[in-house]
């Protein structure tokens, strides 16, 4: 596997990973109506915009297929003043999960935050998403709960925090 920084030409591949991974990860958690309306085209436009402004990293298979991505930066909500960084997204296609890619995709986000003098980070994860165990295995702890609504369904996002992201790299 190869990890590299995304360029504008990667927006379509990132969109495919996001849509496909949402449809496997969030099936029976997020309403089907929401998942069914997600398209590669709509997400491609979103990711083209994000890539131009934020750090996005890709995981490519040996065959050059984009199989995962991560995105992070400065914490966005302001609700957790002790935490300056945020992992905005990390998604990996189902057949590539549980092979160490998550940690590989987290590393460049952490490296960029550390270069900015940021040593704390949050990530928001749906409570029903089993991937939250990944963050717990890396030392994150729940520091808050947010309620969100998707198509009239109320869901809880657990806010995980790391007090020192340098410990994750070990």
Protein backbone atom coordinates (compact mmCIF):
# COMPACT_ATOMS: atom_id res chain seq x y z
CA UNK A 1 0.00 0.00 0.00
CA UNK A 2 1.07 3.51 -0.75
CA UNK A 3 -0.06 6.60 1.20
CA UNK A 4 0.13 9.94 -0.59
CA UNK A 5 -1.36 13.42 -0.51
CA UNK A 6 -4.42 13.84 -2.72
CA UNK A 7 -4.49 16.17 -5.72
CA UNK A 8 -7.49 17.67 -7.51
CA UNK A 9 -7.50 14.76 -9.96
CA UNK A 10 -8.26 12.37 -7.07
CA UNK A 11 -11.70 13.79 -6.23
CA UNK A 12 -13.60 11.12 -8.16
CA UNK A 13 -11.69 8.24 -6.55
CA UNK A 14 -12.24 9.74 -3.08
CA UNK A 15 -15.95 10.15 -3.83
CA UNK A 16 -16.21 6.48 -4.78
CA UNK A 17 -14.50 5.38 -1.56
CA UNK A 18 -16.75 7.63 0.52
CA UNK A 19 -20.01 6.54 -1.09
CA UNK A 20 -19.12 2.84 -1.14
CA UNK A 21 -17.80 2.80 2.42
CA UNK A 22 -20.81 4.75 3.75
CA UNK A 23 -23.15 2.23 2.13
CA UNK A 24 -21.41 -0.66 3.90
CA UNK A 25 -20.46 1.00 7.20
CA UNK A 26 -23.70 2.88 7.84
CA UNK A 27 -26.27 0.40 6.47
CA UNK A 28 -28.89 -0.11 9.21
CA UNK A 29 -27.53 2.93 11.10
CA UNK A 30 -28.30 5.85 8.78
CA UNK A 31 -31.66 5.79 6.95
CA UNK A 32 -31.54 4.08 3.54
CA UNK A 33 -33.12 7.17 1.95
CA UNK A 34 -30.01 9.16 2.81
CA UNK A 35 -27.55 6.49 1.69
CA UNK A 36 -29.43 5.85 -1.55
CA UNK A 37 -29.26 9.52 -2.58
CA UNK A 38 -25.46 9.65 -2.23
CA UNK A 39 -23.84 9.77 -5.66
CA UNK A 40 -20.28 9.73 -6.89
CA UNK A 41 -20.90 12.92 -8.87
CA UNK A 42 -22.21 14.97 -5.94
CA UNK A 43 -19.41 13.80 -3.66
CA UNK A 44 -16.77 14.37 -6.34
CA UNK A 45 -17.65 18.08 -6.45
CA UNK A 46 -17.50 18.25 -2.65
CA UNK A 47 -14.08 16.56 -2.54
CA UNK A 48 -12.64 18.71 -5.32
CA UNK A 49 -13.44 21.72 -3.15
CA UNK A 50 -12.09 20.13 0.04
CA UNK A 51 -8.80 19.05 -1.60
CA UNK A 52 -8.18 22.64 -2.67
CA UNK A 53 -8.42 23.84 0.95
CA UNK A 54 -7.52 20.99 3.31
CA UNK A 55 -5.14 18.08 3.69
CA UNK A 56 -6.46 14.84 2.25
CA UNK A 57 -4.39 11.65 2.09
CA UNK A 58 -5.02 8.52 0.04
CA UNK A 59 -4.26 4.84 0.41
CA UNK A 60 -3.60 3.18 -2.93
CA UNK A 61 -3.44 -0.55 -3.54
CA UNK A 62 -0.45 -2.04 -5.33
CA UNK A 63 -2.55 -1.84 -8.50
CA UNK A 64 -3.04 1.94 -8.06
CA UNK A 65 -6.68 1.78 -6.89
CA UNK A 66 -7.67 4.31 -4.21
CA UNK A 67 -9.00 2.16 -1.36
CA UNK A 68 -9.11 4.67 1.50
CA UNK A 69 -8.58 8.28 2.51
CA UNK A 70 -8.21 10.57 5.50
CA UNK A 71 -8.82 14.28 6.03
CA UNK A 72 -8.04 16.49 9.00
CA UNK A 73 -7.04 19.92 10.26
CA UNK A 74 -7.95 22.54 12.86
CA UNK A 75 -10.86 21.59 15.14
CA UNK A 76 -14.01 23.14 13.59
CA UNK A 77 -16.68 23.46 16.28
CA UNK A 78 -14.94 25.41 19.02
CA UNK A 79 -16.86 23.30 21.56
CA UNK A 80 -13.74 21.53 22.80
CA UNK A 81 -11.21 24.31 23.48
CA UNK A 82 -8.60 21.93 24.92
CA UNK A 83 -8.49 20.08 21.58
CA UNK A 84 -6.98 22.00 18.69
CA UNK A 85 -6.91 19.39 15.90
CA UNK A 86 -9.60 17.26 14.31
CA UNK A 87 -9.74 14.14 12.22
CA UNK A 88 -12.56 15.08 9.86
CA UNK A 89 -12.84 11.80 7.98
CA UNK A 90 -11.21 8.45 7.49
CA UNK A 91 -12.83 5.88 5.23
CA UNK A 92 -11.55 2.59 3.86
CA UNK A 93 -13.30 0.20 1.49
CA UNK A 94 -14.71 -2.80 3.41
CA UNK A 95 -12.39 -5.40 1.88
CA UNK A 96 -9.30 -3.38 2.92
CA UNK A 97 -10.37 -2.76 6.52
CA UNK A 98 -8.60 -4.37 9.47
CA UNK A 99 -5.27 -4.50 7.62
CA UNK A 100 -3.52 -1.55 9.30
CA UNK A 101 -4.58 1.11 6.77
CA UNK A 102 -6.42 3.20 9.36
CA UNK A 103 -3.26 3.87 11.31
CA UNK A 104 -1.30 4.51 8.09
CA UNK A 105 -3.90 7.08 7.01
CA UNK A 106 -3.95 8.71 10.44
CA UNK A 107 -0.18 9.23 10.53
CA UNK A 108 0.07 12.04 7.91
CA UNK A 109 -2.82 13.92 9.56
CA UNK A 110 -0.98 13.72 12.89
CA UNK A 111 2.31 14.76 11.25
CA UNK A 112 0.68 17.87 9.75
CA UNK A 113 -0.93 18.85 13.05
CA UNK A 114 2.35 18.42 14.91
CA UNK A 115 4.13 20.63 12.34
CA UNK A 116 1.58 23.32 13.29
CA UNK A 117 2.30 22.87 16.99
CA UNK A 118 -0.99 21.04 17.59
CA UNK A 119 -0.79 18.02 19.89
CA UNK A 120 -4.46 17.35 20.73
CA UNK A 121 -7.20 16.07 18.47
CA UNK A 122 -10.87 15.07 18.33
CA UNK A 123 -12.88 12.84 16.04
CA UNK A 124 -16.68 12.45 15.95
CA UNK A 125 -17.99 8.91 15.40
CA UNK A 126 -21.54 7.63 15.27
CA UNK A 127 -22.19 5.69 18.46
CA UNK A 128 -23.45 2.67 16.49
CA UNK A 129 -20.38 2.62 14.23
CA UNK A 130 -18.14 -0.25 15.31
CA UNK A 131 -15.15 1.60 13.85
CA UNK A 132 -15.14 3.66 17.04
CA UNK A 133 -13.26 0.76 18.61
CA UNK A 134 -10.32 1.66 16.33
CA UNK A 135 -10.02 5.07 18.02
CA UNK A 136 -10.33 3.52 21.45
CA UNK A 137 -7.52 1.10 20.59
CA UNK A 138 -5.35 4.14 19.81
CA UNK A 139 -6.00 5.72 23.21
CA UNK A 140 -8.87 8.09 22.43
CA UNK A 141 -11.44 8.62 25.14
CA UNK A 142 -15.01 9.90 24.95
CA UNK A 143 -15.11 13.59 25.88
CA UNK A 144 -18.62 14.42 24.68
CA UNK A 145 -21.77 13.33 22.87
CA UNK A 146 -23.50 15.27 20.10
CA UNK A 147 -26.99 14.59 18.81
CA UNK A 148 -27.58 14.82 15.06
CA UNK A 149 -30.61 14.15 12.89
CA UNK A 150 -30.49 12.49 9.49
CA UNK A 151 -33.82 12.12 7.69
CA UNK A 152 -35.77 12.43 10.96
CA UNK A 153 -33.65 9.79 12.68
CA UNK A 154 -31.87 11.01 15.79
CA UNK A 155 -28.35 9.67 16.16
CA UNK A 156 -25.57 10.19 18.67
CA UNK A 157 -22.02 11.02 17.74
CA UNK A 158 -19.39 10.23 20.31
CA UNK A 159 -16.70 12.86 20.49
CA UNK A 160 -13.37 11.16 21.08
CA UNK A 161 -10.31 13.10 22.18
CA UNK A 162 -6.58 12.51 22.38
CA UNK A 163 -4.67 14.63 24.88
CA UNK A 164 -1.39 13.97 23.07
CA UNK A 165 -1.46 12.70 19.47
CA UNK A 166 2.27 12.07 19.58
CA UNK A 167 1.49 8.92 21.58
CA UNK A 168 -0.49 7.48 18.63
CA UNK A 169 2.62 7.32 16.43
CA UNK A 170 4.40 4.95 18.81
